[in-house]
Amino acid sequence: MKLLAITEKQLVAQSHKMFEQLVVTVIKMPVDNRTHIPHIILYHFGKGWKAAQSLHDLNEFFGEDTISESRCREWFAHSKSGDTSLEDKPGLGRSSNFEDQSQ
């Protein structure tokens, strides 16, 4: 039996290619921004993209105002801090309850 030799770099490149195909599939479906957008931003961050590139890409693919510039930058800062959790944290985005903001 012949074993295939694959380098880590090739494996990572193949993983990125598969993820990009998944993103194309997601593009064809309605997008739940709270679920999918942070995943895509984390992927962009991992590829070395800047927040501005990710913002442009997301709004181009999913439609204008898919994500605000400030929200995109918040997610990049979140990723840059080393926290790769995709759960919303206090301070990321706006509070959904106005009364919470006034207290």
C-alpha atoms as a PDB file:
ATOM      1  CA  MET A   1       0.000   0.000   0.000  1.00  0.00           C
ATOM      2  CA  LYS A   2       1.334   3.421  -0.978  1.00  0.00           C
ATOM      3  CA  LEU A   3       1.002   6.179   1.624  1.00  0.00           C
ATOM      4  CA  LEU A   4       0.446   9.727   0.501  1.00  0.00           C
ATOM      5  CA  ALA A   5       2.877  12.226   1.926  1.00  0.00           C
ATOM      6  CA  ILE A   6       1.182  15.506   2.726  1.00  0.00           C
ATOM      7  CA  THR A   7       2.773  18.447   4.448  1.00  0.00           C
ATOM      8  CA  GLU A   8       1.098  20.498   7.135  1.00  0.00           C
ATOM      9  CA  LYS A   9       1.044  23.439   4.726  1.00  0.00           C
ATOM     10  CA  GLN A  10      -0.816  21.360   2.132  1.00  0.00           C
ATOM     11  CA  LEU A  11      -3.275  20.164   4.770  1.00  0.00           C
ATOM     12  CA  VAL A  12      -3.972  23.737   5.896  1.00  0.00           C
ATOM     13  CA  ALA A  13      -4.401  24.865   2.281  1.00  0.00           C
ATOM     14  CA  GLN A  14      -6.871  22.033   1.656  1.00  0.00           C
ATOM     15  CA  SER A  15      -8.783  22.942   4.833  1.00  0.00           C
ATOM     16  CA  HIS A  16      -9.018  26.570   3.704  1.00  0.00           C
ATOM     17  CA  LYS A  17     -10.252  25.475   0.286  1.00  0.00           C
ATOM     18  CA  MET A  18     -12.945  23.297   1.872  1.00  0.00           C
ATOM     19  CA  PHE A  19     -13.989  26.171   4.159  1.00  0.00           C
ATOM     20  CA  GLU A  20     -14.233  28.557   1.216  1.00  0.00           C
ATOM     21  CA  GLN A  21     -16.516  26.055  -0.528  1.00  0.00           C
ATOM     22  CA  LEU A  22     -18.645  25.942   2.615  1.00  0.00           C
ATOM     23  CA  VAL A  23     -18.829  29.738   2.670  1.00  0.00           C
ATOM     24  CA  VAL A  24     -20.045  29.722  -0.942  1.00  0.00           C
ATOM     25  CA  THR A  25     -22.765  27.259   0.096  1.00  0.00           C
ATOM     26  CA  VAL A  26     -23.746  29.454   3.041  1.00  0.00           C
ATOM     27  CA  ILE A  27     -23.915  32.483   0.741  1.00  0.00           C
ATOM     28  CA  LYS A  28     -26.727  30.814  -1.178  1.00  0.00           C
ATOM     29  CA  MET A  29     -28.755  30.438   2.031  1.00  0.00           C
ATOM     30  CA  PRO A  30     -30.353  33.128   4.186  1.00  0.00           C
ATOM     31  CA  VAL A  31     -27.770  34.219   6.735  1.00  0.00           C
ATOM     32  CA  ASP A  32     -28.294  34.321  10.467  1.00  0.00           C
ATOM     33  CA  ASN A  33     -25.745  37.055  11.189  1.00  0.00           C
ATOM     34  CA  ARG A  34     -25.457  36.202  14.872  1.00  0.00           C
ATOM     35  CA  THR A  35     -24.411  32.647  13.998  1.00  0.00           C
ATOM     36  CA  HIS A  36     -22.410  32.650  10.774  1.00  0.00           C
ATOM     37  CA  ILE A  37     -20.768  36.063  10.517  1.00  0.00           C
ATOM     38  CA  PRO A  38     -18.507  35.591  13.593  1.00  0.00           C
ATOM     39  CA  HIS A  39     -17.317  32.249  12.151  1.00  0.00           C
ATOM     40  CA  ILE A  40     -16.418  33.890   8.864  1.00  0.00           C
ATOM     41  CA  ILE A  41     -14.681  36.785  10.629  1.00  0.00           C
ATOM     42  CA  LEU A  42     -12.625  34.320  12.686  1.00  0.00           C
ATOM     43  CA  TYR A  43     -11.675  32.555   9.451  1.00  0.00           C
ATOM     44  CA  HIS A  44     -10.669  35.875   7.843  1.00  0.00           C
ATOM     45  CA  PHE A  45      -8.650  36.776  10.947  1.00  0.00           C
ATOM     46  CA  GLY A  46      -6.886  33.407  10.761  1.00  0.00           C
ATOM     47  CA  LYS A  47      -5.971  34.087   7.125  1.00  0.00           C
ATOM     48  CA  GLY A  48      -4.334  37.352   8.169  1.00  0.00           C
ATOM     49  CA  TRP A  49      -7.002  39.647   6.764  1.00  0.00           C
ATOM     50  CA  LYS A  50      -7.610  43.105   8.179  1.00  0.00           C
ATOM     51  CA  ALA A  51     -11.011  44.086   9.575  1.00  0.00           C
ATOM     52  CA  ALA A  52     -11.603  46.424   6.617  1.00  0.00           C
ATOM     53  CA  GLN A  53     -11.074  43.558   4.138  1.00  0.00           C
ATOM     54  CA  SER A  54     -13.468  41.326   6.040  1.00  0.00           C
ATOM     55  CA  LEU A  55     -16.066  44.094   6.297  1.00  0.00           C
ATOM     56  CA  HIS A  56     -15.932  44.708   2.554  1.00  0.00           C
ATOM     57  CA  ASP A  57     -16.085  40.987   1.748  1.00  0.00           C
ATOM     58  CA  LEU A  58     -19.031  40.269   4.068  1.00  0.00           C
ATOM     59  CA  ASN A  59     -21.083  43.238   2.910  1.00  0.00           C
ATOM     60  CA  GLU A  60     -20.338  42.453  -0.726  1.00  0.00           C
ATOM     61  CA  PHE A  61     -21.400  38.798  -0.427  1.00  0.00           C
ATOM     62  CA  PHE A  62     -24.307  39.059   1.990  1.00  0.00           C
ATOM     63  CA  GLY A  63     -25.570  42.523   1.153  1.00  0.00           C
ATOM     64  CA  GLU A  64     -24.903  46.035   2.303  1.00  0.00           C
ATOM     65  CA  ASP A  65     -25.200  46.570   6.056  1.00  0.00           C
ATOM     66  CA  THR A  66     -24.732  42.871   6.851  1.00  0.00           C
ATOM     67  CA  ILE A  67     -22.323  43.979   9.550  1.00  0.00           C
ATOM     68  CA  SER A  68     -21.281  47.414  10.729  1.00  0.00           C
ATOM     69  CA  GLU A  69     -17.679  48.557  10.683  1.00  0.00           C
ATOM     70  CA  SER A  70     -17.611  48.875  14.467  1.00  0.00           C
ATOM     71  CA  ARG A  71     -19.032  45.375  14.976  1.00  0.00           C
ATOM     72  CA  CYS A  72     -16.511  43.882  12.540  1.00  0.00           C
ATOM     73  CA  ARG A  73     -13.640  45.643  14.320  1.00  0.00           C
ATOM     74  CA  GLU A  74     -14.965  44.411  17.688  1.00  0.00           C
ATOM     75  CA  TRP A  75     -14.897  40.809  16.458  1.00  0.00           C
ATOM     76  CA  PHE A  76     -11.359  41.274  15.101  1.00  0.00           C
ATOM     77  CA  ALA A  77     -10.215  42.705  18.434  1.00  0.00           C
ATOM     78  CA  HIS A  78     -11.926  39.772  20.166  1.00  0.00           C
ATOM     79  CA  SER A  79      -9.981  37.330  17.963  1.00  0.00           C
ATOM     80  CA  LYS A  80      -6.717  39.262  18.308  1.00  0.00           C
ATOM     81  CA  SER A  81      -6.954  38.982  22.097  1.00  0.00           C
ATOM     82  CA  GLY A  82      -6.577  35.227  21.642  1.00  0.00           C
ATOM     83  CA  ASP A  83     -10.166  34.395  22.524  1.00  0.00           C
ATOM     84  CA  THR A  84     -11.503  32.300  19.659  1.00  0.00           C
ATOM     85  CA  SER A  85     -14.846  31.693  21.348  1.00  0.00           C
ATOM     86  CA  LEU A  86     -17.687  32.592  19.021  1.00  0.00           C
ATOM     87  CA  GLU A  87     -20.145  33.350  21.811  1.00  0.00           C
ATOM     88  CA  ASP A  88     -21.306  36.927  22.256  1.00  0.00           C
ATOM     89  CA  LYS A  89     -19.662  38.533  25.241  1.00  0.00           C
ATOM     90  CA  PRO A  90     -20.787  41.601  27.171  1.00  0.00           C
ATOM     91  CA  GLY A  91     -19.400  44.634  25.402  1.00  0.00           C
ATOM     92  CA  LEU A  92     -19.501  43.076  21.931  1.00  0.00           C
ATOM     93  CA  GLY A  93     -22.234  44.868  20.033  1.00  0.00           C
ATOM     94  CA  ARG A  94     -25.212  46.722  21.382  1.00  0.00           C
ATOM     95  CA  SER A  95     -27.350  45.690  24.301  1.00  0.00           C
ATOM     96  CA  SER A  96     -30.722  44.406  23.146  1.00  0.00           C
ATOM     97  CA  ASN A  97     -32.506  46.121  26.034  1.00  0.00           C
ATOM     98  CA  PHE A  98     -32.434  49.914  26.237  1.00  0.00           C
ATOM     99  CA  GLU A  99     -33.141  49.865  29.990  1.00  0.00           C
ATOM    100  CA  ASP A 100     -29.959  47.832  30.558  1.00  0.00           C
ATOM    101  CA  GLN A 101     -27.962  50.639  29.008  1.00  0.00           C
ATOM    102  CA  SER A 102     -29.410  53.317  31.253  1.00  0.00           C
ATOM    103  CA  GLN A 103     -28.631  51.603  34.558  1.00  0.00           C
END
